[in-house]
Amino acid sequence: MSLKMPLKSPALFFAALMSLSLLPMTAQASCSLKQSACEASCKVRYFDDTLGKMGCMTKCAAERAACSTKEGASEAVEKGKGLVKD
C-alpha cells in the first residue's frame, strides 16, 4: 500500500497556502467553509488511521488553494469588466 500525496513537494504546498493571503476575503470565506467540511469528513473517515487522515487533510488544503485561486480569478475578471466599461 502506498500513500499518494496530492502535492509532491512541501514547497508547492506552502506556496499554495501562502497564495491564499493574496486573494479577496469573499473567496477565502467560501473556500474556508468547504475546507472545514472536507477536514471534518477526513476526521470521521480516517478516525483511527493517522496517515490516511494526514493525506486527506493535505488534499483538503490543495482543494482550498484551487478553490481560492478560481474564486479570486472570477472576482478579478468581474472587477476588470467594470473598469473597462468606465
PDB file of N, CA and C in Angstrom:
ATOM      1  N   MET A   1       0.845  -1.175   0.000  1.00  0.00           N
ATOM      2  CA  MET A   1       0.000   0.000   0.000  1.00  0.00           C
ATOM      3  C   MET A   1       0.888   1.235   0.000  1.00  0.00           C
ATOM      4  N   SER A   2       0.632   2.141  -0.913  1.00  0.00           N
ATOM      5  CA  SER A   2       1.432   3.358  -0.970  1.00  0.00           C
ATOM      6  C   SER A   2       0.553   4.557  -0.654  1.00  0.00           C
ATOM      7  N   LEU A   3       1.153   5.544  -0.040  1.00  0.00           N
ATOM      8  CA  LEU A   3       0.465   6.771   0.301  1.00  0.00           C
ATOM      9  C   LEU A   3       0.737   7.777  -0.804  1.00  0.00           C
ATOM     10  N   LYS A   4      -0.301   8.210  -1.484  1.00  0.00           N
ATOM     11  CA  LYS A   4      -0.148   9.176  -2.559  1.00  0.00           C
ATOM     12  C   LYS A   4      -0.496  10.557  -2.028  1.00  0.00           C
ATOM     13  N   MET A   5       0.416  11.491  -2.190  1.00  0.00           N
ATOM     14  CA  MET A   5       0.206  12.851  -1.745  1.00  0.00           C
ATOM     15  C   MET A   5      -0.208  13.694  -2.951  1.00  0.00           C
ATOM     16  N   PRO A   6      -1.219  14.572  -2.810  1.00  0.00           N
ATOM     17  CA  PRO A   6      -1.658  15.398  -3.928  1.00  0.00           C
ATOM     18  C   PRO A   6      -0.564  16.339  -4.437  1.00  0.00           C
ATOM     19  N   LEU A   7       0.243  16.880  -3.561  1.00  0.00           N
ATOM     20  CA  LEU A   7       1.331  17.757  -3.963  1.00  0.00           C
ATOM     21  C   LEU A   7       2.643  17.056  -3.646  1.00  0.00           C
ATOM     22  N   LYS A   8       3.524  16.973  -4.608  1.00  0.00           N
ATOM     23  CA  LYS A   8       4.763  16.216  -4.456  1.00  0.00           C
ATOM     24  C   LYS A   8       5.795  16.932  -3.596  1.00  0.00           C
ATOM     25  N   SER A   9       5.754  18.234  -3.561  1.00  0.00           N
ATOM     26  CA  SER A   9       6.784  18.984  -2.863  1.00  0.00           C
ATOM     27  C   SER A   9       6.180  19.819  -1.740  1.00  0.00           C
ATOM     28  N   PRO A  10       6.774  19.784  -0.556  1.00  0.00           N
ATOM     29  CA  PRO A  10       6.293  20.642   0.525  1.00  0.00           C
ATOM     30  C   PRO A  10       6.357  22.120   0.145  1.00  0.00           C
ATOM     31  N   ALA A  11       7.318  22.493  -0.687  1.00  0.00           N
ATOM     32  CA  ALA A  11       7.427  23.887  -1.115  1.00  0.00           C
ATOM     33  C   ALA A  11       6.203  24.307  -1.913  1.00  0.00           C
ATOM     34  N   LEU A  12       5.710  23.415  -2.777  1.00  0.00           N
ATOM     35  CA  LEU A  12       4.497  23.722  -3.539  1.00  0.00           C
ATOM     36  C   LEU A  12       3.296  23.871  -2.621  1.00  0.00           C
ATOM     37  N   PHE A  13       3.208  23.008  -1.629  1.00  0.00           N
ATOM     38  CA  PHE A  13       2.111  23.051  -0.677  1.00  0.00           C
ATOM     39  C   PHE A  13       2.094  24.391   0.058  1.00  0.00           C
ATOM     40  N   PHE A  14       3.264  24.807   0.572  1.00  0.00           N
ATOM     41  CA  PHE A  14       3.333  26.065   1.304  1.00  0.00           C
ATOM     42  C   PHE A  14       3.126  27.264   0.393  1.00  0.00           C
ATOM     43  N   ALA A  15       3.576  27.186  -0.841  1.00  0.00           N
ATOM     44  CA  ALA A  15       3.348  28.272  -1.795  1.00  0.00           C
ATOM     45  C   ALA A  15       1.855  28.427  -2.073  1.00  0.00           C
ATOM     46  N   ALA A  16       1.155  27.295  -2.181  1.00  0.00           N
ATOM     47  CA  ALA A  16      -0.287  27.350  -2.396  1.00  0.00           C
ATOM     48  C   ALA A  16      -0.988  27.979  -1.194  1.00  0.00           C
ATOM     49  N   LEU A  17      -0.565  27.619   0.002  1.00  0.00           N
ATOM     50  CA  LEU A  17      -1.169  28.205   1.195  1.00  0.00           C
ATOM     51  C   LEU A  17      -0.873  29.698   1.305  1.00  0.00           C
ATOM     52  N   MET A  18       0.339  30.090   0.967  1.00  0.00           N
ATOM     53  CA  MET A  18       0.702  31.499   1.051  1.00  0.00           C
ATOM     54  C   MET A  18      -0.069  32.337   0.029  1.00  0.00           C
ATOM     55  N   SER A  19      -0.406  31.750  -1.105  1.00  0.00           N
ATOM     56  CA  SER A  19      -1.136  32.497  -2.128  1.00  0.00           C
ATOM     57  C   SER A  19      -2.535  32.863  -1.659  1.00  0.00           C
ATOM     58  N   LEU A  20      -3.050  32.146  -0.669  1.00  0.00           N
ATOM     59  CA  LEU A  20      -4.379  32.451  -0.161  1.00  0.00           C
ATOM     60  C   LEU A  20      -4.465  33.855   0.425  1.00  0.00           C
ATOM     61  N   SER A  21      -3.375  34.341   0.961  1.00  0.00           N
ATOM     62  CA  SER A  21      -3.380  35.664   1.581  1.00  0.00           C
ATOM     63  C   SER A  21      -3.519  36.780   0.550  1.00  0.00           C
ATOM     64  N   LEU A  22      -3.294  36.483  -0.714  1.00  0.00           N
ATOM     65  CA  LEU A  22      -3.374  37.494  -1.760  1.00  0.00           C
ATOM     66  C   LEU A  22      -4.754  37.580  -2.405  1.00  0.00           C
ATOM     67  N   LEU A  23      -5.663  36.689  -2.045  1.00  0.00           N
ATOM     68  CA  LEU A  23      -6.969  36.637  -2.675  1.00  0.00           C
ATOM     69  C   LEU A  23      -7.995  37.427  -1.882  1.00  0.00           C
ATOM     70  N   PRO A  24      -9.084  37.860  -2.530  1.00  0.00           N
ATOM     71  CA  PRO A  24     -10.138  38.603  -1.835  1.00  0.00           C
ATOM     72  C   PRO A  24     -10.738  37.800  -0.683  1.00  0.00           C
ATOM     73  N   MET A  25     -11.228  38.512   0.324  1.00  0.00           N
ATOM     74  CA  MET A  25     -11.753  37.858   1.521  1.00  0.00           C
ATOM     75  C   MET A  25     -12.996  37.019   1.227  1.00  0.00           C
ATOM     76  N   THR A  26     -13.843  37.425   0.282  1.00  0.00           N
ATOM     77  CA  THR A  26     -15.044  36.633  -0.013  1.00  0.00           C
ATOM     78  C   THR A  26     -14.681  35.270  -0.568  1.00  0.00           C
ATOM     79  N   ALA A  27     -13.649  35.222  -1.399  1.00  0.00           N
ATOM     80  CA  ALA A  27     -13.204  33.937  -1.938  1.00  0.00           C
ATOM     81  C   ALA A  27     -12.652  33.064  -0.825  1.00  0.00           C
ATOM     82  N   GLN A  28     -11.899  33.671   0.078  1.00  0.00           N
ATOM     83  CA  GLN A  28     -11.323  32.908   1.173  1.00  0.00           C
ATOM     84  C   GLN A  28     -12.400  32.357   2.095  1.00  0.00           C
ATOM     85  N   ALA A  29     -13.462  33.129   2.367  1.00  0.00           N
ATOM     86  CA  ALA A  29     -14.513  32.687   3.285  1.00  0.00           C
ATOM     87  C   ALA A  29     -15.252  31.483   2.722  1.00  0.00           C
ATOM     88  N   SER A  30     -15.630  31.542   1.462  1.00  0.00           N
ATOM     89  CA  SER A  30     -16.353  30.440   0.830  1.00  0.00           C
ATOM     90  C   SER A  30     -15.493  29.186   0.800  1.00  0.00           C
ATOM     91  N   CYS A  31     -14.267  29.341   0.409  1.00  0.00           N
ATOM     92  CA  CYS A  31     -13.362  28.207   0.306  1.00  0.00           C
ATOM     93  C   CYS A  31     -12.983  27.670   1.684  1.00  0.00           C
ATOM     94  N   SER A  32     -12.945  28.550   2.663  1.00  0.00           N
ATOM     95  CA  SER A  32     -12.648  28.135   4.032  1.00  0.00           C
ATOM     96  C   SER A  32     -13.730  27.203   4.565  1.00  0.00           C
ATOM     97  N   LEU A  33     -14.984  27.516   4.270  1.00  0.00           N
ATOM     98  CA  LEU A  33     -16.084  26.645   4.701  1.00  0.00           C
ATOM     99  C   LEU A  33     -15.988  25.276   4.045  1.00  0.00           C
ATOM    100  N   LYS A  34     -15.654  25.260   2.770  1.00  0.00           N
ATOM    101  CA  LYS A  34     -15.501  23.987   2.059  1.00  0.00           C
ATOM    102  C   LYS A  34     -14.349  23.178   2.661  1.00  0.00           C
ATOM    103  N   GLN A  35     -13.258  23.860   3.018  1.00  0.00           N
ATOM    104  CA  GLN A  35     -12.121  23.165   3.607  1.00  0.00           C
ATOM    105  C   GLN A  35     -12.498  22.605   4.977  1.00  0.00           C
ATOM    106  N   SER A  36     -13.225  23.365   5.766  1.00  0.00           N
ATOM    107  CA  SER A  36     -13.643  22.886   7.089  1.00  0.00           C
ATOM    108  C   SER A  36     -14.498  21.636   6.971  1.00  0.00           C
ATOM    109  N   ALA A  37     -15.417  21.633   6.014  1.00  0.00           N
ATOM    110  CA  ALA A  37     -16.263  20.456   5.803  1.00  0.00           C
ATOM    111  C   ALA A  37     -15.435  19.264   5.345  1.00  0.00           C
ATOM    112  N   CYS A  38     -14.476  19.518   4.472  1.00  0.00           N
ATOM    113  CA  CYS A  38     -13.595  18.459   3.978  1.00  0.00           C
ATOM    114  C   CYS A  38     -12.785  17.858   5.123  1.00  0.00           C
ATOM    115  N   GLU A  39     -12.223  18.720   5.969  1.00  0.00           N
ATOM    116  CA  GLU A  39     -11.410  18.240   7.083  1.00  0.00           C
ATOM    117  C   GLU A  39     -12.249  17.470   8.103  1.00  0.00           C
ATOM    118  N   ALA A  40     -13.473  17.922   8.333  1.00  0.00           N
ATOM    119  CA  ALA A  40     -14.351  17.191   9.247  1.00  0.00           C
ATOM    120  C   ALA A  40     -14.635  15.796   8.703  1.00  0.00           C
ATOM    121  N   SER A  41     -14.835  15.713   7.392  1.00  0.00           N
ATOM    122  CA  SER A  41     -15.055  14.423   6.749  1.00  0.00           C
ATOM    123  C   SER A  41     -13.834  13.525   6.895  1.00  0.00           C
ATOM    124  N   CYS A  42     -12.644  14.096   6.765  1.00  0.00           N
ATOM    125  CA  CYS A  42     -11.406  13.325   6.920  1.00  0.00           C
ATOM    126  C   CYS A  42     -11.295  12.755   8.335  1.00  0.00           C
ATOM    127  N   LYS A  43     -11.624  13.585   9.319  1.00  0.00           N
ATOM    128  CA  LYS A  43     -11.519  13.148  10.707  1.00  0.00           C
ATOM    129  C   LYS A  43     -12.457  11.991  11.012  1.00  0.00           C
ATOM    130  N   VAL A  44     -13.623  11.981  10.383  1.00  0.00           N
ATOM    131  CA  VAL A  44     -14.576  10.885  10.583  1.00  0.00           C
ATOM    132  C   VAL A  44     -14.143   9.659   9.786  1.00  0.00           C
ATOM    133  N   ARG A  45     -13.815   9.867   8.521  1.00  0.00           N
ATOM    134  CA  ARG A  45     -13.470   8.753   7.631  1.00  0.00           C
ATOM    135  C   ARG A  45     -12.204   8.023   8.078  1.00  0.00           C
ATOM    136  N   TYR A  46     -11.209   8.783   8.546  1.00  0.00           N
ATOM    137  CA  TYR A  46      -9.920   8.195   8.930  1.00  0.00           C
ATOM    138  C   TYR A  46      -9.706   8.322  10.436  1.00  0.00           C
ATOM    139  N   PHE A  47     -10.712   8.014  11.205  1.00  0.00           N
ATOM    140  CA  PHE A  47     -10.699   8.170  12.658  1.00  0.00           C
ATOM    141  C   PHE A  47      -9.470   7.544  13.309  1.00  0.00           C
ATOM    142  N   ASP A  48      -9.136   6.319  12.909  1.00  0.00           N
ATOM    143  CA  ASP A  48      -8.026   5.612  13.545  1.00  0.00           C
ATOM    144  C   ASP A  48      -6.854   5.360  12.582  1.00  0.00           C
ATOM    145  N   ASP A  49      -6.778   6.120  11.515  1.00  0.00           N
ATOM    146  CA  ASP A  49      -5.715   5.972  10.523  1.00  0.00           C
ATOM    147  C   ASP A  49      -5.013   7.324  10.361  1.00  0.00           C
ATOM    148  N   THR A  50      -3.930   7.515  11.080  1.00  0.00           N
ATOM    149  CA  THR A  50      -3.229   8.801  11.094  1.00  0.00           C
ATOM    150  C   THR A  50      -2.711   9.180   9.710  1.00  0.00           C
ATOM    151  N   LEU A  51      -2.083   8.240   9.006  1.00  0.00           N
ATOM    152  CA  LEU A  51      -1.555   8.550   7.677  1.00  0.00           C
ATOM    153  C   LEU A  51      -2.671   8.858   6.686  1.00  0.00           C
ATOM    154  N   GLY A  52      -3.746   8.100   6.765  1.00  0.00           N
ATOM    155  CA  GLY A  52      -4.888   8.367   5.896  1.00  0.00           C
ATOM    156  C   GLY A  52      -5.468   9.747   6.161  1.00  0.00           C
ATOM    157  N   LYS A  53      -5.558  10.109   7.445  1.00  0.00           N
ATOM    158  CA  LYS A  53      -6.093  11.418   7.826  1.00  0.00           C
ATOM    159  C   LYS A  53      -5.176  12.536   7.325  1.00  0.00           C
ATOM    160  N   MET A  54      -3.864  12.355   7.469  1.00  0.00           N
ATOM    161  CA  MET A  54      -2.921  13.377   7.007  1.00  0.00           C
ATOM    162  C   MET A  54      -3.011  13.569   5.493  1.00  0.00           C
ATOM    163  N   GLY A  55      -3.114  12.470   4.760  1.00  0.00           N
ATOM    164  CA  GLY A  55      -3.246  12.559   3.306  1.00  0.00           C
ATOM    165  C   GLY A  55      -4.537  13.253   2.900  1.00  0.00           C
ATOM    166  N   CYS A  56      -5.606  12.923   3.593  1.00  0.00           N
ATOM    167  CA  CYS A  56      -6.906  13.524   3.311  1.00  0.00           C
ATOM    168  C   CYS A  56      -6.878  15.020   3.611  1.00  0.00           C
ATOM    169  N   MET A  57      -6.265  15.401   4.726  1.00  0.00           N
ATOM    170  CA  MET A  57      -6.185  16.815   5.105  1.00  0.00           C
ATOM    171  C   MET A  57      -5.340  17.603   4.093  1.00  0.00           C
ATOM    172  N   THR A  58      -4.287  16.967   3.577  1.00  0.00           N
ATOM    173  CA  THR A  58      -3.462  17.611   2.557  1.00  0.00           C
ATOM    174  C   THR A  58      -4.280  17.841   1.296  1.00  0.00           C
ATOM    175  N   LYS A  59      -5.108  16.868   0.954  1.00  0.00           N
ATOM    176  CA  LYS A  59      -5.981  17.009  -0.210  1.00  0.00           C
ATOM    177  C   LYS A  59      -6.953  18.172   0.003  1.00  0.00           C
ATOM    178  N   CYS A  60      -7.477  18.306   1.223  1.00  0.00           N
ATOM    179  CA  CYS A  60      -8.388  19.415   1.529  1.00  0.00           C
ATOM    180  C   CYS A  60      -7.691  20.761   1.337  1.00  0.00           C
ATOM    181  N   ALA A  61      -6.458  20.863   1.800  1.00  0.00           N
ATOM    182  CA  ALA A  61      -5.693  22.110   1.661  1.00  0.00           C
ATOM    183  C   ALA A  61      -5.434  22.426   0.188  1.00  0.00           C
ATOM    184  N   ALA A  62      -5.115  21.406  -0.590  1.00  0.00           N
ATOM    185  CA  ALA A  62      -4.873  21.611  -2.022  1.00  0.00           C
ATOM    186  C   ALA A  62      -6.151  22.037  -2.728  1.00  0.00           C
ATOM    187  N   GLU A  63      -7.277  21.429  -2.344  1.00  0.00           N
ATOM    188  CA  GLU A  63      -8.556  21.812  -2.941  1.00  0.00           C
ATOM    189  C   GLU A  63      -8.924  23.243  -2.575  1.00  0.00           C
ATOM    190  N   ARG A  64      -8.576  23.652  -1.346  1.00  0.00           N
ATOM    191  CA  ARG A  64      -8.853  25.031  -0.948  1.00  0.00           C
ATOM    192  C   ARG A  64      -8.021  25.998  -1.771  1.00  0.00           C
ATOM    193  N   ALA A  65      -6.761  25.668  -1.990  1.00  0.00           N
ATOM    194  CA  ALA A  65      -5.905  26.542  -2.799  1.00  0.00           C
ATOM    195  C   ALA A  65      -6.475  26.690  -4.208  1.00  0.00           C
ATOM    196  N   ALA A  66      -6.921  25.589  -4.779  1.00  0.00           N
ATOM    197  CA  ALA A  66      -7.517  25.638  -6.120  1.00  0.00           C
ATOM    198  C   ALA A  66      -8.815  26.445  -6.105  1.00  0.00           C
ATOM    199  N   CYS A  67      -9.629  26.234  -5.091  1.00  0.00           N
ATOM    200  CA  CYS A  67     -10.893  26.957  -4.952  1.00  0.00           C
ATOM    201  C   CYS A  67     -10.642  28.455  -4.826  1.00  0.00           C
ATOM    202  N   SER A  68      -9.731  28.828  -3.967  1.00  0.00           N
ATOM    203  CA  SER A  68      -9.433  30.241  -3.741  1.00  0.00           C
ATOM    204  C   SER A  68      -8.888  30.898  -4.998  1.00  0.00           C
ATOM    205  N   THR A  69      -8.051  30.177  -5.719  1.00  0.00           N
ATOM    206  CA  THR A  69      -7.500  30.715  -6.962  1.00  0.00           C
ATOM    207  C   THR A  69      -8.608  30.940  -7.978  1.00  0.00           C
ATOM    208  N   LYS A  70      -9.497  29.973  -8.104  1.00  0.00           N
ATOM    209  CA  LYS A  70     -10.617  30.082  -9.051  1.00  0.00           C
ATOM    210  C   LYS A  70     -11.537  31.233  -8.659  1.00  0.00           C
ATOM    211  N   GLU A  71     -11.898  31.313  -7.381  1.00  0.00           N
ATOM    212  CA  GLU A  71     -12.783  32.376  -6.906  1.00  0.00           C
ATOM    213  C   GLU A  71     -12.131  33.744  -7.108  1.00  0.00           C
ATOM    214  N   GLY A  72     -10.859  33.843  -6.762  1.00  0.00           N
ATOM    215  CA  GLY A  72     -10.151  35.107  -6.916  1.00  0.00           C
ATOM    216  C   GLY A  72     -10.051  35.534  -8.371  1.00  0.00           C
ATOM    217  N   ALA A  73      -9.823  34.584  -9.261  1.00  0.00           N
ATOM    218  CA  ALA A  73      -9.747  34.898 -10.690  1.00  0.00           C
ATOM    219  C   ALA A  73     -11.100  35.381 -11.202  1.00  0.00           C
ATOM    220  N   SER A  74     -12.170  34.749 -10.747  1.00  0.00           N
ATOM    221  CA  SER A  74     -13.510  35.168 -11.169  1.00  0.00           C
ATOM    222  C   SER A  74     -13.803  36.594 -10.718  1.00  0.00           C
ATOM    223  N   GLU A  75     -13.436  36.911  -9.483  1.00  0.00           N
ATOM    224  CA  GLU A  75     -13.657  38.263  -8.975  1.00  0.00           C
ATOM    225  C   GLU A  75     -12.799  39.278  -9.718  1.00  0.00           C
ATOM    226  N   ALA A  76     -11.595  38.905 -10.066  1.00  0.00           N
ATOM    227  CA  ALA A  76     -10.705  39.810 -10.802  1.00  0.00           C
ATOM    228  C   ALA A  76     -11.284  40.106 -12.186  1.00  0.00           C
ATOM    229  N   VAL A  77     -11.854  39.100 -12.834  1.00  0.00           N
ATOM    230  CA  VAL A  77     -12.453  39.288 -14.146  1.00  0.00           C
ATOM    231  C   VAL A  77     -13.635  40.239 -14.043  1.00  0.00           C
ATOM    232  N   GLU A  78     -14.465  40.052 -13.020  1.00  0.00           N
ATOM    233  CA  GLU A  78     -15.638  40.926 -12.840  1.00  0.00           C
ATOM    234  C   GLU A  78     -15.206  42.363 -12.581  1.00  0.00           C
ATOM    235  N   LYS A  79     -14.211  42.555 -11.745  1.00  0.00           N
ATOM    236  CA  LYS A  79     -13.725  43.915 -11.462  1.00  0.00           C
ATOM    237  C   LYS A  79     -13.104  44.525 -12.716  1.00  0.00           C
ATOM    238  N   GLY A  80     -12.420  43.703 -13.506  1.00  0.00           N
ATOM    239  CA  GLY A  80     -11.822  44.187 -14.744  1.00  0.00           C
ATOM    240  C   GLY A  80     -12.867  44.640 -15.743  1.00  0.00           C
ATOM    241  N   LYS A  81     -13.969  43.904 -15.805  1.00  0.00           N
ATOM    242  CA  LYS A  81     -15.057  44.299 -16.707  1.00  0.00           C
ATOM    243  C   LYS A  81     -15.625  45.656 -16.310  1.00  0.00           C
ATOM    244  N   GLY A  82     -15.728  45.887 -15.002  1.00  0.00           N
ATOM    245  CA  GLY A  82     -16.234  47.174 -14.508  1.00  0.00           C
ATOM    246  C   GLY A  82     -15.299  48.315 -14.874  1.00  0.00           C
ATOM    247  N   LEU A  83     -14.009  48.083 -14.829  1.00  0.00           N
ATOM    248  CA  LEU A  83     -13.045  49.125 -15.179  1.00  0.00           C
ATOM    249  C   LEU A  83     -13.077  49.447 -16.667  1.00  0.00           C
ATOM    250  N   VAL A  84     -13.289  48.426 -17.487  1.00  0.00           N
ATOM    251  CA  VAL A  84     -13.308  48.626 -18.937  1.00  0.00           C
ATOM    252  C   VAL A  84     -14.520  49.448 -19.342  1.00  0.00           C
ATOM    253  N   LYS A  85     -15.659  49.245 -18.673  1.00  0.00           N
ATOM    254  CA  LYS A  85     -16.886  49.973 -19.002  1.00  0.00           C
ATOM    255  C   LYS A  85     -16.797  51.434 -18.612  1.00  0.00           C
ATOM    256  N   ASP A  86     -16.004  51.748 -17.581  1.00  0.00           N
ATOM    257  CA  ASP A  86     -15.912  53.140 -17.089  1.00  0.00           C
ATOM    258  C   ASP A  86     -15.065  53.995 -17.950  1.00  0.00           C
TER     259      ASP A  86
END
